[in-house]
Amino acid sequence: MPHALTTTLLALGLFLSILAALEVGRRIGCSRRRRFPDGELKGSGAAEGAVFGLLGLLIAFTFSGAASRFDDRRQLITQEANAIGTAWLRVDLLPAPVAHTVRDFMRSYLDARLETFRQIANPEALAAQSERASRLQQQIWAAAVTGSAAPGAAPDAAKLLLPALNEMIDITTTRLVATRTHPPLAIFLMLGVLSLIGGLLIGYELAAKPQRDWLQMLIFPLVMAVSLFVILDLEYPRRGLIRIDAADQVLVELRQSMD
């Protein structure tokens, strides 16, 4: 199922669940009002303060974390482009025949890296491109090690080129880990549970009015559903509506400069 559809369904599910909790809370309040017509219908201020305070803190925490990870992933693309660009320039330190071979490998490698993230939603294609990139890394490294010691190589070829290639290879692991880093499922479950409890409390308070106030009943579920949608979209910037694909342009431009 497409990520955008999954996220939309989750947000819609939360919206309807909170709306149901509001109705349940309202009916509980109406029942209490019928039993105690002279009593003042008020919820527990301490309980409401604790629930909504924790809910606000949780939303701020998850949103801030998602936004921070979104920016980190975008920065990692720039770092990888810089690492590949530096290694590409230092290939000149190798003898011409070896440099030509390494450059061919690097062109194919960058093609594989670009295709890897284009196929992020296709596990089989993603695995194939990742395997292709790994093989090319080994070929680039082996050719660079051999070429650095070959006649005609610059005296400091190994000292300058190999660290640049090492950085180029290491950034792939960093980016892979970044794509898999998300808040624990318990955080989202807690967010959902607190949203339902909050809806229950709001519905209980709304029972003081003789008729349903649809505006007040819809605002809280809508705000929570939109918040969940945005947070999940930021957590998966290759699959939803909020994307970092534009940041790949720096790698595309680097690849064009290699021709």
C-alpha atoms as a PDB file:
ATOM      1  CA  MET A   1       0.000   0.000   0.000  1.00  0.00           C
ATOM      2  CA  PRO A   2       1.415   3.460  -0.880  1.00  0.00           C
ATOM      3  CA  HIS A   3       2.791   5.353   2.086  1.00  0.00           C
ATOM      4  CA  ALA A   4       0.640   8.431   1.412  1.00  0.00           C
ATOM      5  CA  LEU A   5      -2.509   6.282   1.504  1.00  0.00           C
ATOM      6  CA  THR A   6      -1.377   4.488   4.666  1.00  0.00           C
ATOM      7  CA  THR A   7      -0.649   7.792   6.403  1.00  0.00           C
ATOM      8  CA  THR A   8      -3.987   9.218   5.309  1.00  0.00           C
ATOM      9  CA  LEU A   9      -5.845   6.164   6.607  1.00  0.00           C
ATOM     10  CA  LEU A  10      -4.032   6.335   9.943  1.00  0.00           C
ATOM     11  CA  ALA A  11      -4.844  10.032  10.304  1.00  0.00           C
ATOM     12  CA  LEU A  12      -8.464   9.394   9.327  1.00  0.00           C
ATOM     13  CA  GLY A  13      -8.653   6.507  11.785  1.00  0.00           C
ATOM     14  CA  LEU A  14      -7.360   8.743  14.574  1.00  0.00           C
ATOM     15  CA  PHE A  15      -9.854  11.463  13.599  1.00  0.00           C
ATOM     16  CA  LEU A  16     -12.811   9.068  13.737  1.00  0.00           C
ATOM     17  CA  SER A  17     -11.571   7.435  16.950  1.00  0.00           C
ATOM     18  CA  ILE A  18     -11.253  10.774  18.732  1.00  0.00           C
ATOM     19  CA  LEU A  19     -14.670  11.795  17.433  1.00  0.00           C
ATOM     20  CA  ALA A  20     -16.095   8.570  18.861  1.00  0.00           C
ATOM     21  CA  ALA A  21     -14.328   9.242  22.180  1.00  0.00           C
ATOM     22  CA  LEU A  22     -15.838  12.740  22.218  1.00  0.00           C
ATOM     23  CA  GLU A  23     -19.308  11.264  21.743  1.00  0.00           C
ATOM     24  CA  VAL A  24     -18.728   8.680  24.470  1.00  0.00           C
ATOM     25  CA  GLY A  25     -17.514  11.399  26.843  1.00  0.00           C
ATOM     26  CA  ARG A  26     -20.517  13.558  26.003  1.00  0.00           C
ATOM     27  CA  ARG A  27     -22.937  10.721  26.686  1.00  0.00           C
ATOM     28  CA  ILE A  28     -21.256   9.972  29.999  1.00  0.00           C
ATOM     29  CA  GLY A  29     -21.609  13.653  30.884  1.00  0.00           C
ATOM     30  CA  CYS A  30     -25.255  13.728  29.780  1.00  0.00           C
ATOM     31  CA  SER A  31     -25.978  10.634  31.856  1.00  0.00           C
ATOM     32  CA  ARG A  32     -24.404  12.241  34.895  1.00  0.00           C
ATOM     33  CA  ARG A  33     -26.369  15.405  34.235  1.00  0.00           C
ATOM     34  CA  ARG A  34     -29.648  13.465  34.238  1.00  0.00           C
ATOM     35  CA  ARG A  35     -28.729  11.724  37.450  1.00  0.00           C
ATOM     36  CA  PHE A  36     -27.625  14.900  39.169  1.00  0.00           C
ATOM     37  CA  PRO A  37     -29.626  17.708  37.517  1.00  0.00           C
ATOM     38  CA  ASP A  38     -28.696  20.195  40.206  1.00  0.00           C
ATOM     39  CA  GLY A  39     -25.032  19.304  40.206  1.00  0.00           C
ATOM     40  CA  GLU A  40     -22.408  21.324  38.375  1.00  0.00           C
ATOM     41  CA  LEU A  41     -20.946  19.381  35.464  1.00  0.00           C
ATOM     42  CA  LYS A  42     -17.197  19.825  35.555  1.00  0.00           C
ATOM     43  CA  GLY A  43     -14.320  17.568  34.782  1.00  0.00           C
ATOM     44  CA  SER A  44     -11.241  17.092  36.894  1.00  0.00           C
ATOM     45  CA  GLY A  45      -8.962  20.057  36.311  1.00  0.00           C
ATOM     46  CA  ALA A  46      -5.882  18.170  37.531  1.00  0.00           C
ATOM     47  CA  ALA A  47      -6.552  15.199  35.244  1.00  0.00           C
ATOM     48  CA  GLU A  48      -7.215  17.432  32.232  1.00  0.00           C
ATOM     49  CA  GLY A  49      -4.090  19.459  32.893  1.00  0.00           C
ATOM     50  CA  ALA A  50      -1.956  16.317  33.139  1.00  0.00           C
ATOM     51  CA  VAL A  51      -3.425  14.704  30.001  1.00  0.00           C
ATOM     52  CA  PHE A  52      -3.314  17.762  27.756  1.00  0.00           C
ATOM     53  CA  GLY A  53       0.050  18.874  29.098  1.00  0.00           C
ATOM     54  CA  LEU A  54       1.578  15.471  28.367  1.00  0.00           C
ATOM     55  CA  LEU A  55      -0.177  15.347  24.979  1.00  0.00           C
ATOM     56  CA  GLY A  56       1.215  18.747  24.000  1.00  0.00           C
ATOM     57  CA  LEU A  57       4.701  17.713  25.126  1.00  0.00           C
ATOM     58  CA  LEU A  58       4.478  14.465  23.157  1.00  0.00           C
ATOM     59  CA  ILE A  59       3.366  16.211  19.966  1.00  0.00           C
ATOM     60  CA  ALA A  60       6.152  18.773  20.321  1.00  0.00           C
ATOM     61  CA  PHE A  61       8.692  16.003  20.918  1.00  0.00           C
ATOM     62  CA  THR A  62       7.637  13.858  17.940  1.00  0.00           C
ATOM     63  CA  PHE A  63       7.245  16.810  15.566  1.00  0.00           C
ATOM     64  CA  SER A  64      10.583  18.338  16.552  1.00  0.00           C
ATOM     65  CA  GLY A  65      12.320  14.971  16.178  1.00  0.00           C
ATOM     66  CA  ALA A  66      10.742  14.314  12.779  1.00  0.00           C
ATOM     67  CA  ALA A  67      11.692  17.779  11.510  1.00  0.00           C
ATOM     68  CA  SER A  68      15.242  17.363  12.813  1.00  0.00           C
ATOM     69  CA  ARG A  69      15.660  13.961  11.153  1.00  0.00           C
ATOM     70  CA  PHE A  70      14.213  15.362   7.921  1.00  0.00           C
ATOM     71  CA  ASP A  71      16.873  18.094   7.890  1.00  0.00           C
ATOM     72  CA  ASP A  72      19.637  15.639   8.849  1.00  0.00           C
ATOM     73  CA  ARG A  73      18.768  13.380   5.909  1.00  0.00           C
ATOM     74  CA  ARG A  74      18.883  16.352   3.574  1.00  0.00           C
ATOM     75  CA  GLN A  75      22.295  17.373   4.927  1.00  0.00           C
ATOM     76  CA  LEU A  76      23.626  13.842   4.471  1.00  0.00           C
ATOM     77  CA  ILE A  77      22.876  14.057   0.752  1.00  0.00           C
ATOM     78  CA  THR A  78      25.087  17.132   0.516  1.00  0.00           C
ATOM     79  CA  GLN A  79      27.802  15.397   2.529  1.00  0.00           C
ATOM     80  CA  GLU A  80      27.748  12.405   0.210  1.00  0.00           C
ATOM     81  CA  ALA A  81      27.950  14.657  -2.840  1.00  0.00           C
ATOM     82  CA  ASN A  82      30.963  16.429  -1.318  1.00  0.00           C
ATOM     83  CA  ALA A  83      32.646  13.123  -0.465  1.00  0.00           C
ATOM     84  CA  ILE A  84      32.149  11.695  -3.963  1.00  0.00           C
ATOM     85  CA  GLY A  85      33.239  14.973  -5.566  1.00  0.00           C
ATOM     86  CA  THR A  86      36.439  15.077  -3.509  1.00  0.00           C
ATOM     87  CA  ALA A  87      37.271  11.460  -4.340  1.00  0.00           C
ATOM     88  CA  TRP A  88      36.562  12.114  -8.023  1.00  0.00           C
ATOM     89  CA  LEU A  89      39.086  14.960  -8.114  1.00  0.00           C
ATOM     90  CA  ARG A  90      41.767  12.980  -6.274  1.00  0.00           C
ATOM     91  CA  VAL A  91      41.571  10.138  -8.781  1.00  0.00           C
ATOM     92  CA  ASP A  92      43.887  12.348 -10.862  1.00  0.00           C
ATOM     93  CA  LEU A  93      46.683  11.207  -8.533  1.00  0.00           C
ATOM     94  CA  LEU A  94      46.553   7.735 -10.090  1.00  0.00           C
ATOM     95  CA  PRO A  95      48.249   6.687 -13.341  1.00  0.00           C
ATOM     96  CA  ALA A  96      46.105   7.582 -16.350  1.00  0.00           C
ATOM     97  CA  PRO A  97      44.950   4.025 -17.272  1.00  0.00           C
ATOM     98  CA  VAL A  98      43.962   3.238 -13.673  1.00  0.00           C
ATOM     99  CA  ALA A  99      42.337   6.657 -13.227  1.00  0.00           C
ATOM    100  CA  HIS A 100      40.210   6.004 -16.303  1.00  0.00           C
ATOM    101  CA  THR A 101      39.024   2.674 -14.870  1.00  0.00           C
ATOM    102  CA  VAL A 102      38.275   4.141 -11.444  1.00  0.00           C
ATOM    103  CA  ARG A 103      36.321   6.996 -13.006  1.00  0.00           C
ATOM    104  CA  ASP A 104      34.177   4.524 -14.955  1.00  0.00           C
ATOM    105  CA  PHE A 105      33.474   2.666 -11.706  1.00  0.00           C
ATOM    106  CA  MET A 106      32.598   5.919  -9.951  1.00  0.00           C
ATOM    107  CA  ARG A 107      30.128   6.950 -12.658  1.00  0.00           C
ATOM    108  CA  SER A 108      28.362   3.604 -12.332  1.00  0.00           C
ATOM    109  CA  TYR A 109      28.530   3.886  -8.550  1.00  0.00           C
ATOM    110  CA  LEU A 110      26.835   7.275  -8.477  1.00  0.00           C
ATOM    111  CA  ASP A 111      24.169   5.994 -10.867  1.00  0.00           C
ATOM    112  CA  ALA A 112      23.531   3.116  -8.458  1.00  0.00           C
ATOM    113  CA  ARG A 113      23.329   5.454  -5.468  1.00  0.00           C
ATOM    114  CA  LEU A 114      20.818   7.709  -7.194  1.00  0.00           C
ATOM    115  CA  GLU A 115      18.724   4.731  -8.262  1.00  0.00           C
ATOM    116  CA  THR A 116      18.852   3.254  -4.765  1.00  0.00           C
ATOM    117  CA  PHE A 117      16.851   6.113  -3.282  1.00  0.00           C
ATOM    118  CA  ARG A 118      14.529   6.335  -6.262  1.00  0.00           C
ATOM    119  CA  GLN A 119      13.567   2.705  -5.572  1.00  0.00           C
ATOM    120  CA  ILE A 120      13.060   3.198  -1.842  1.00  0.00           C
ATOM    121  CA  ALA A 121       9.438   2.010  -2.074  1.00  0.00           C
ATOM    122  CA  ASN A 122      10.403  -1.150  -4.008  1.00  0.00           C
ATOM    123  CA  PRO A 123      12.258  -3.543  -1.652  1.00  0.00           C
ATOM    124  CA  GLU A 124      13.509  -5.858  -4.424  1.00  0.00           C
ATOM    125  CA  ALA A 125      14.834  -3.051  -6.629  1.00  0.00           C
ATOM    126  CA  LEU A 126      16.280  -1.327  -3.568  1.00  0.00           C
ATOM    127  CA  ALA A 127      18.177  -4.453  -2.535  1.00  0.00           C
ATOM    128  CA  ALA A 128      19.474  -4.940  -6.081  1.00  0.00           C
ATOM    129  CA  GLN A 129      20.775  -1.381  -6.349  1.00  0.00           C
ATOM    130  CA  SER A 130      22.311  -1.531  -2.875  1.00  0.00           C
ATOM    131  CA  GLU A 131      24.129  -4.739  -3.816  1.00  0.00           C
ATOM    132  CA  ARG A 132      25.316  -3.147  -7.054  1.00  0.00           C
ATOM    133  CA  ALA A 133      26.657  -0.120  -5.161  1.00  0.00           C
ATOM    134  CA  SER A 134      28.459  -2.382  -2.673  1.00  0.00           C
ATOM    135  CA  ARG A 135      30.191  -4.303  -5.475  1.00  0.00           C
ATOM    136  CA  LEU A 136      31.269  -1.060  -7.110  1.00  0.00           C
ATOM    137  CA  GLN A 137      32.660   0.192  -3.807  1.00  0.00           C
ATOM    138  CA  GLN A 138      34.878  -2.883  -3.607  1.00  0.00           C
ATOM    139  CA  GLN A 139      35.999  -2.466  -7.208  1.00  0.00           C
ATOM    140  CA  ILE A 140      36.784   1.221  -6.729  1.00  0.00           C
ATOM    141  CA  TRP A 141      38.716   0.535  -3.539  1.00  0.00           C
ATOM    142  CA  ALA A 142      40.715  -2.362  -5.042  1.00  0.00           C
ATOM    143  CA  ALA A 143      41.594  -0.362  -8.145  1.00  0.00           C
ATOM    144  CA  ALA A 144      42.598   2.670  -6.070  1.00  0.00           C
ATOM    145  CA  VAL A 145      44.829   0.631  -3.743  1.00  0.00           C
ATOM    146  CA  THR A 146      46.542  -1.037  -6.677  1.00  0.00           C
ATOM    147  CA  GLY A 147      46.849   2.197  -8.636  1.00  0.00           C
ATOM    148  CA  SER A 148      48.296   4.136  -5.691  1.00  0.00           C
ATOM    149  CA  ALA A 149      51.260   1.775  -5.611  1.00  0.00           C
ATOM    150  CA  ALA A 150      51.692   1.576  -9.396  1.00  0.00           C
ATOM    151  CA  PRO A 151      54.436   3.393 -11.312  1.00  0.00           C
ATOM    152  CA  GLY A 152      53.305   6.837 -12.386  1.00  0.00           C
ATOM    153  CA  ALA A 153      51.117   7.451  -9.341  1.00  0.00           C
ATOM    154  CA  ALA A 154      51.642  10.655  -7.350  1.00  0.00           C
ATOM    155  CA  PRO A 155      53.841  10.162  -4.259  1.00  0.00           C
ATOM    156  CA  ASP A 156      50.968  10.918  -1.856  1.00  0.00           C
ATOM    157  CA  ALA A 157      48.239   9.206  -3.878  1.00  0.00           C
ATOM    158  CA  ALA A 158      47.434   6.670  -1.178  1.00  0.00           C
ATOM    159  CA  LYS A 159      47.452   9.270   1.606  1.00  0.00           C
ATOM    160  CA  LEU A 160      45.068  11.600  -0.227  1.00  0.00           C
ATOM    161  CA  LEU A 161      42.836   9.323  -2.286  1.00  0.00           C
ATOM    162  CA  LEU A 162      42.148   6.418   0.062  1.00  0.00           C
ATOM    163  CA  PRO A 163      40.797   8.540   2.951  1.00  0.00           C
ATOM    164  CA  ALA A 164      38.505  10.339   0.489  1.00  0.00           C
ATOM    165  CA  LEU A 165      37.218   7.015  -0.805  1.00  0.00           C
ATOM    166  CA  ASN A 166      36.792   5.766   2.756  1.00  0.00           C
ATOM    167  CA  GLU A 167      34.627   8.780   3.566  1.00  0.00           C
ATOM    168  CA  MET A 168      32.621   8.224   0.383  1.00  0.00           C
ATOM    169  CA  ILE A 169      31.949   4.622   1.432  1.00  0.00           C
ATOM    170  CA  ASP A 170      31.218   5.398   5.094  1.00  0.00           C
ATOM    171  CA  ILE A 171      28.540   7.980   4.264  1.00  0.00           C
ATOM    172  CA  THR A 172      26.435   5.231   2.663  1.00  0.00           C
ATOM    173  CA  THR A 173      26.103   3.479   6.023  1.00  0.00           C
ATOM    174  CA  THR A 174      25.283   6.765   7.726  1.00  0.00           C
ATOM    175  CA  ARG A 175      22.513   7.472   5.214  1.00  0.00           C
ATOM    176  CA  LEU A 176      21.162   3.933   5.517  1.00  0.00           C
ATOM    177  CA  VAL A 177      20.929   4.229   9.295  1.00  0.00           C
ATOM    178  CA  ALA A 178      19.264   7.638   8.938  1.00  0.00           C
ATOM    179  CA  THR A 179      16.516   6.166   6.739  1.00  0.00           C
ATOM    180  CA  ARG A 180      15.800   3.544   9.404  1.00  0.00           C
ATOM    181  CA  THR A 181      15.814   5.865  12.392  1.00  0.00           C
ATOM    182  CA  HIS A 182      12.296   6.585  13.674  1.00  0.00           C
ATOM    183  CA  PRO A 183      10.615   7.009  17.073  1.00  0.00           C
ATOM    184  CA  PRO A 184       9.629   3.779  18.842  1.00  0.00           C
ATOM    185  CA  LEU A 185       6.135   2.481  18.102  1.00  0.00           C
ATOM    186  CA  ALA A 186       5.291   3.035  21.773  1.00  0.00           C
ATOM    187  CA  ILE A 187       5.527   6.797  21.212  1.00  0.00           C
ATOM    188  CA  PHE A 188       2.843   6.722  18.521  1.00  0.00           C
ATOM    189  CA  LEU A 189       0.668   4.374  20.585  1.00  0.00           C
ATOM    190  CA  MET A 190       0.948   6.716  23.543  1.00  0.00           C
ATOM    191  CA  LEU A 191       0.069   9.650  21.300  1.00  0.00           C
ATOM    192  CA  GLY A 192      -3.052   7.833  20.127  1.00  0.00           C
ATOM    193  CA  VAL A 193      -4.119   6.803  23.642  1.00  0.00           C
ATOM    194  CA  LEU A 194      -3.664  10.310  25.033  1.00  0.00           C
ATOM    195  CA  SER A 195      -5.616  11.730  22.095  1.00  0.00           C
ATOM    196  CA  LEU A 196      -8.527   9.410  22.881  1.00  0.00           C
ATOM    197  CA  ILE A 197      -8.427  10.279  26.579  1.00  0.00           C
ATOM    198  CA  GLY A 198      -8.320  13.962  25.671  1.00  0.00           C
ATOM    199  CA  GLY A 199     -11.344  13.487  23.397  1.00  0.00           C
ATOM    200  CA  LEU A 200     -13.183  11.737  26.214  1.00  0.00           C
ATOM    201  CA  LEU A 201     -12.517  14.626  28.594  1.00  0.00           C
ATOM    202  CA  ILE A 202     -13.556  17.264  26.051  1.00  0.00           C
ATOM    203  CA  GLY A 203     -16.750  15.364  25.287  1.00  0.00           C
ATOM    204  CA  TYR A 204     -17.542  15.190  28.995  1.00  0.00           C
ATOM    205  CA  GLU A 205     -17.187  18.967  29.253  1.00  0.00           C
ATOM    206  CA  LEU A 206     -19.378  19.510  26.179  1.00  0.00           C
ATOM    207  CA  ALA A 207     -22.237  17.658  27.876  1.00  0.00           C
ATOM    208  CA  ALA A 208     -22.954  20.906  29.751  1.00  0.00           C
ATOM    209  CA  LYS A 209     -24.502  22.212  26.523  1.00  0.00           C
ATOM    210  CA  PRO A 210     -27.975  20.903  25.609  1.00  0.00           C
ATOM    211  CA  GLN A 211     -27.027  20.339  21.970  1.00  0.00           C
ATOM    212  CA  ARG A 212     -23.870  19.159  20.238  1.00  0.00           C
ATOM    213  CA  ASP A 213     -21.409  21.889  19.350  1.00  0.00           C
ATOM    214  CA  TRP A 214     -19.985  20.401  16.160  1.00  0.00           C
ATOM    215  CA  LEU A 215     -17.371  23.107  15.757  1.00  0.00           C
ATOM    216  CA  GLN A 216     -15.809  22.328  19.125  1.00  0.00           C
ATOM    217  CA  MET A 217     -16.212  18.592  18.549  1.00  0.00           C
ATOM    218  CA  LEU A 218     -14.417  18.675  15.196  1.00  0.00           C
ATOM    219  CA  ILE A 219     -11.519  21.011  16.007  1.00  0.00           C
ATOM    220  CA  PHE A 220      -9.621  18.708  18.391  1.00  0.00           C
ATOM    221  CA  PRO A 221      -9.850  15.525  16.236  1.00  0.00           C
ATOM    222  CA  LEU A 222      -8.901  17.510  13.123  1.00  0.00           C
ATOM    223  CA  VAL A 223      -5.863  19.098  14.769  1.00  0.00           C
ATOM    224  CA  MET A 224      -4.637  15.753  16.088  1.00  0.00           C
ATOM    225  CA  ALA A 225      -5.194  13.970  12.760  1.00  0.00           C
ATOM    226  CA  VAL A 226      -3.336  16.647  10.792  1.00  0.00           C
ATOM    227  CA  SER A 227      -0.491  16.601  13.331  1.00  0.00           C
ATOM    228  CA  LEU A 228      -0.131  12.830  13.004  1.00  0.00           C
ATOM    229  CA  PHE A 229      -0.209  13.047   9.214  1.00  0.00           C
ATOM    230  CA  VAL A 230       2.553  15.685   9.101  1.00  0.00           C
ATOM    231  CA  ILE A 231       4.726  13.833  11.621  1.00  0.00           C
ATOM    232  CA  LEU A 232       4.494  10.543   9.703  1.00  0.00           C
ATOM    233  CA  ASP A 233       5.130  12.316   6.397  1.00  0.00           C
ATOM    234  CA  LEU A 234       8.275  13.940   7.780  1.00  0.00           C
ATOM    235  CA  GLU A 235       9.476  10.577   9.109  1.00  0.00           C
ATOM    236  CA  TYR A 236       9.321   9.012   5.632  1.00  0.00           C
ATOM    237  CA  PRO A 237      10.427  11.808   3.258  1.00  0.00           C
ATOM    238  CA  ARG A 238      10.909   9.485   0.278  1.00  0.00           C
ATOM    239  CA  ARG A 239       7.371   8.117   0.304  1.00  0.00           C
ATOM    240  CA  GLY A 240       4.874  10.784   1.360  1.00  0.00           C
ATOM    241  CA  LEU A 241       3.873  14.263   0.277  1.00  0.00           C
ATOM    242  CA  ILE A 242       6.680  16.066   2.129  1.00  0.00           C
ATOM    243  CA  ARG A 243       9.788  14.910   0.263  1.00  0.00           C
ATOM    244  CA  ILE A 244      13.527  15.500   0.062  1.00  0.00           C
ATOM    245  CA  ASP A 245      13.835  14.431  -3.556  1.00  0.00           C
ATOM    246  CA  ALA A 246      14.808  17.985  -4.521  1.00  0.00           C
ATOM    247  CA  ALA A 247      17.967  17.606  -2.429  1.00  0.00           C
ATOM    248  CA  ASP A 248      19.103  14.796  -4.775  1.00  0.00           C
ATOM    249  CA  GLN A 249      19.671  17.437  -7.445  1.00  0.00           C
ATOM    250  CA  VAL A 250      23.148  18.064  -6.065  1.00  0.00           C
ATOM    251  CA  LEU A 251      24.028  14.413  -6.799  1.00  0.00           C
ATOM    252  CA  VAL A 252      22.399  14.623 -10.230  1.00  0.00           C
ATOM    253  CA  GLU A 253      24.470  17.699 -11.064  1.00  0.00           C
ATOM    254  CA  LEU A 254      27.609  15.975  -9.824  1.00  0.00           C
ATOM    255  CA  ARG A 255      26.867  13.002 -12.072  1.00  0.00           C
ATOM    256  CA  GLN A 256      26.383  15.318 -15.060  1.00  0.00           C
ATOM    257  CA  SER A 257      29.748  16.944 -14.361  1.00  0.00           C
ATOM    258  CA  MET A 258      31.423  13.527 -14.609  1.00  0.00           C
ATOM    259  CA  ASP A 259      30.564  13.114 -18.318  1.00  0.00           C
END
